[in-house]
C-alpha atoms as a PDB file:
ATOM      1  CA  UNK A   1     -63.694  -7.586 -11.666  1.00  0.00           C
ATOM      2  CA  UNK A   2     -61.208 -10.362 -12.368  1.00  0.00           C
ATOM      3  CA  UNK A   3     -57.582  -9.913 -11.313  1.00  0.00           C
ATOM      4  CA  UNK A   4     -54.296 -11.552 -12.182  1.00  0.00           C
ATOM      5  CA  UNK A   5     -51.353 -10.895  -9.877  1.00  0.00           C
ATOM      6  CA  UNK A   6     -47.782 -10.952 -11.147  1.00  0.00           C
ATOM      7  CA  UNK A   7     -45.737 -13.784  -9.665  1.00  0.00           C
ATOM      8  CA  UNK A   8     -42.819 -14.191 -12.063  1.00  0.00           C
ATOM      9  CA  UNK A   9     -39.228 -13.005 -12.027  1.00  0.00           C
ATOM     10  CA  UNK A  10     -38.259  -9.445 -12.884  1.00  0.00           C
ATOM     11  CA  UNK A  11     -35.047  -8.603 -14.742  1.00  0.00           C
ATOM     12  CA  UNK A  12     -33.108  -5.375 -15.264  1.00  0.00           C
ATOM     13  CA  UNK A  13     -30.215  -3.982 -17.260  1.00  0.00           C
ATOM     14  CA  UNK A  14     -28.523  -0.736 -18.133  1.00  0.00           C
ATOM     15  CA  UNK A  15     -30.350   0.537 -21.210  1.00  0.00           C
ATOM     16  CA  UNK A  16     -27.395   0.093 -23.583  1.00  0.00           C
ATOM     17  CA  UNK A  17     -26.433  -3.376 -22.270  1.00  0.00           C
ATOM     18  CA  UNK A  18     -27.390  -6.708 -23.817  1.00  0.00           C
ATOM     19  CA  UNK A  19     -27.483  -8.987 -20.771  1.00  0.00           C
ATOM     20  CA  UNK A  20     -30.335  -9.002 -18.264  1.00  0.00           C
ATOM     21  CA  UNK A  21     -29.876  -9.643 -14.522  1.00  0.00           C
ATOM     22  CA  UNK A  22     -32.352 -10.702 -11.837  1.00  0.00           C
ATOM     23  CA  UNK A  23     -34.199  -7.845 -10.122  1.00  0.00           C
ATOM     24  CA  UNK A  24     -36.310  -7.457  -7.017  1.00  0.00           C
ATOM     25  CA  UNK A  25     -39.589  -5.574  -7.435  1.00  0.00           C
ATOM     26  CA  UNK A  26     -40.544  -3.577  -5.525  1.00  0.00           C
ATOM     27  CA  UNK A  27     -37.031  -2.286  -5.204  1.00  0.00           C
ATOM     28  CA  UNK A  28     -34.618  -0.152  -7.139  1.00  0.00           C
ATOM     29  CA  UNK A  29     -31.569  -0.218  -9.319  1.00  0.00           C
ATOM     30  CA  UNK A  30     -29.149   0.551  -6.469  1.00  0.00           C
ATOM     31  CA  UNK A  31     -30.390  -2.356  -4.358  1.00  0.00           C
ATOM     32  CA  UNK A  32     -30.407  -4.666  -7.384  1.00  0.00           C
ATOM     33  CA  UNK A  33     -26.813  -3.734  -8.247  1.00  0.00           C
ATOM     34  CA  UNK A  34     -25.739  -4.177  -4.611  1.00  0.00           C
ATOM     35  CA  UNK A  35     -27.388  -7.615  -4.461  1.00  0.00           C
ATOM     36  CA  UNK A  36     -25.281  -8.648  -7.454  1.00  0.00           C
ATOM     37  CA  UNK A  37     -22.099  -7.232  -5.907  1.00  0.00           C
ATOM     38  CA  UNK A  38     -21.692  -4.701  -8.718  1.00  0.00           C
ATOM     39  CA  UNK A  39     -21.672  -1.601  -6.508  1.00  0.00           C
ATOM     40  CA  UNK A  40     -20.887  -0.931  -2.852  1.00  0.00           C
ATOM     41  CA  UNK A  41     -23.495   0.431  -0.446  1.00  0.00           C
ATOM     42  CA  UNK A  42     -23.793   4.147  -1.324  1.00  0.00           C
ATOM     43  CA  UNK A  43     -24.535   4.997   2.324  1.00  0.00           C
ATOM     44  CA  UNK A  44     -21.153   3.752   3.571  1.00  0.00           C
ATOM     45  CA  UNK A  45     -18.143   6.082   3.608  1.00  0.00           C
ATOM     46  CA  UNK A  46     -17.724   8.030   0.392  1.00  0.00           C
ATOM     47  CA  UNK A  47     -19.260   5.287  -1.768  1.00  0.00           C
ATOM     48  CA  UNK A  48     -21.948   7.713  -2.917  1.00  0.00           C
ATOM     49  CA  UNK A  49     -19.344   9.377  -5.140  1.00  0.00           C
ATOM     50  CA  UNK A  50     -18.237   6.004  -6.531  1.00  0.00           C
ATOM     51  CA  UNK A  51     -21.776   5.028  -7.565  1.00  0.00           C
ATOM     52  CA  UNK A  52     -22.949   8.429  -8.864  1.00  0.00           C
ATOM     53  CA  UNK A  53     -22.888   6.981 -12.396  1.00  0.00           C
ATOM     54  CA  UNK A  54     -25.888   4.784 -11.526  1.00  0.00           C
ATOM     55  CA  UNK A  55     -28.203   7.811 -11.289  1.00  0.00           C
ATOM     56  CA  UNK A  56     -26.893   9.174 -14.594  1.00  0.00           C
ATOM     57  CA  UNK A  57     -27.598   5.972 -16.547  1.00  0.00           C
ATOM     58  CA  UNK A  58     -30.890   4.797 -18.021  1.00  0.00           C
ATOM     59  CA  UNK A  59     -32.196   1.466 -16.736  1.00  0.00           C
ATOM     60  CA  UNK A  60     -34.756  -0.998 -18.063  1.00  0.00           C
ATOM     61  CA  UNK A  61     -36.839  -3.501 -16.134  1.00  0.00           C
ATOM     62  CA  UNK A  62     -38.862  -6.271 -17.713  1.00  0.00           C
ATOM     63  CA  UNK A  63     -41.292  -8.919 -16.631  1.00  0.00           C
ATOM     64  CA  UNK A  64     -42.692 -11.688 -18.832  1.00  0.00           C
ATOM     65  CA  UNK A  65     -46.255 -12.780 -18.205  1.00  0.00           C
ATOM     66  CA  UNK A  66     -49.146 -14.448 -19.965  1.00  0.00           C
ATOM     67  CA  UNK A  67     -52.657 -13.148 -19.544  1.00  0.00           C
ATOM     68  CA  UNK A  68     -55.021 -15.825 -18.265  1.00  0.00           C
ATOM     69  CA  UNK A  69     -57.576 -17.015 -20.861  1.00  0.00           C
ATOM     70  CA  UNK A  70     -60.556 -15.784 -18.816  1.00  0.00           C
ATOM     71  CA  UNK A  71     -59.031 -12.293 -18.765  1.00  0.00           C
ATOM     72  CA  UNK A  72     -58.273 -12.360 -22.482  1.00  0.00           C
ATOM     73  CA  UNK A  73     -62.003 -12.673 -23.084  1.00  0.00           C
ATOM     74  CA  UNK A  74     -62.705  -9.382 -21.273  1.00  0.00           C
ATOM     75  CA  UNK A  75     -63.583  -6.262 -23.258  1.00  0.00           C
ATOM     76  CA  UNK A  76     -61.084  -4.150 -21.299  1.00  0.00           C
ATOM     77  CA  UNK A  77     -57.961  -5.128 -19.387  1.00  0.00           C
ATOM     78  CA  UNK A  78     -56.204  -2.797 -16.969  1.00  0.00           C
ATOM     79  CA  UNK A  79     -52.452  -2.999 -16.443  1.00  0.00           C
ATOM     80  CA  UNK A  80     -51.833  -1.532 -12.972  1.00  0.00           C
ATOM     81  CA  UNK A  81     -48.271  -0.504 -12.149  1.00  0.00           C
ATOM     82  CA  UNK A  82     -48.005   0.726  -8.574  1.00  0.00           C
ATOM     83  CA  UNK A  83     -44.899   2.605  -7.497  1.00  0.00           C
ATOM     84  CA  UNK A  84     -43.320   3.588 -10.806  1.00  0.00           C
ATOM     85  CA  UNK A  85     -40.293   5.807 -10.377  1.00  0.00           C
ATOM     86  CA  UNK A  86     -40.282   9.459 -11.392  1.00  0.00           C
ATOM     87  CA  UNK A  87     -39.516   8.771 -15.048  1.00  0.00           C
ATOM     88  CA  UNK A  88     -40.819   5.621 -16.688  1.00  0.00           C
ATOM     89  CA  UNK A  89     -41.942   4.371 -20.085  1.00  0.00           C
ATOM     90  CA  UNK A  90     -44.275   1.398 -20.344  1.00  0.00           C
ATOM     91  CA  UNK A  91     -44.497  -0.979 -23.275  1.00  0.00           C
ATOM     92  CA  UNK A  92     -46.289  -4.247 -23.848  1.00  0.00           C
ATOM     93  CA  UNK A  93     -45.335  -6.634 -26.645  1.00  0.00           C
ATOM     94  CA  UNK A  94     -43.341  -3.854 -28.308  1.00  0.00           C
ATOM     95  CA  UNK A  95     -46.179  -1.303 -28.177  1.00  0.00           C
ATOM     96  CA  UNK A  96     -45.783   1.884 -26.157  1.00  0.00           C
ATOM     97  CA  UNK A  97     -48.509   2.185 -23.530  1.00  0.00           C
ATOM     98  CA  UNK A  98     -47.494   5.474 -21.993  1.00  0.00           C
ATOM     99  CA  UNK A  99     -44.980   7.292 -19.867  1.00  0.00           C
ATOM    100  CA  UNK A 100     -44.735   8.975 -16.494  1.00  0.00           C
ATOM    101  CA  UNK A 101     -42.800  12.074 -15.580  1.00  0.00           C
ATOM    102  CA  UNK A 102     -43.677  12.357 -11.898  1.00  0.00           C
ATOM    103  CA  UNK A 103     -44.089   9.728  -9.199  1.00  0.00           C
ATOM    104  CA  UNK A 104     -46.765  11.704  -7.367  1.00  0.00           C
END
C-alpha cells in the first residue's frame, strides 16, 4: 500500500465567516482561537462563560493538498481522517464524502 502523509497548513473559520485563519491539527477550535488571541483561556476564572459562544457556533477546517501522481494511478484511494470530532462533514473538491455523528 502506498501512503501520502499530510504536511501542509490547516486553516479554520466560523462557518458564516469569509476569512480563514491558521489552525493547528491535531487540535481544536478553542486552542486555535486562543493562539490567535481571540478568546481567553476558558479554564481561567469565569472565562468559560465568556467563551460559551464558541461551542454554539459551527466551525470549518480546511486543508489543501495534491495527490501524488503515483497514487492517482491507483484503483482506490483511501482518505483517512483520524480524530474527527463528534460532528463532522467531509468534502473533497466540493463533493460530500460523508459525515460523522459520534467520535467513538
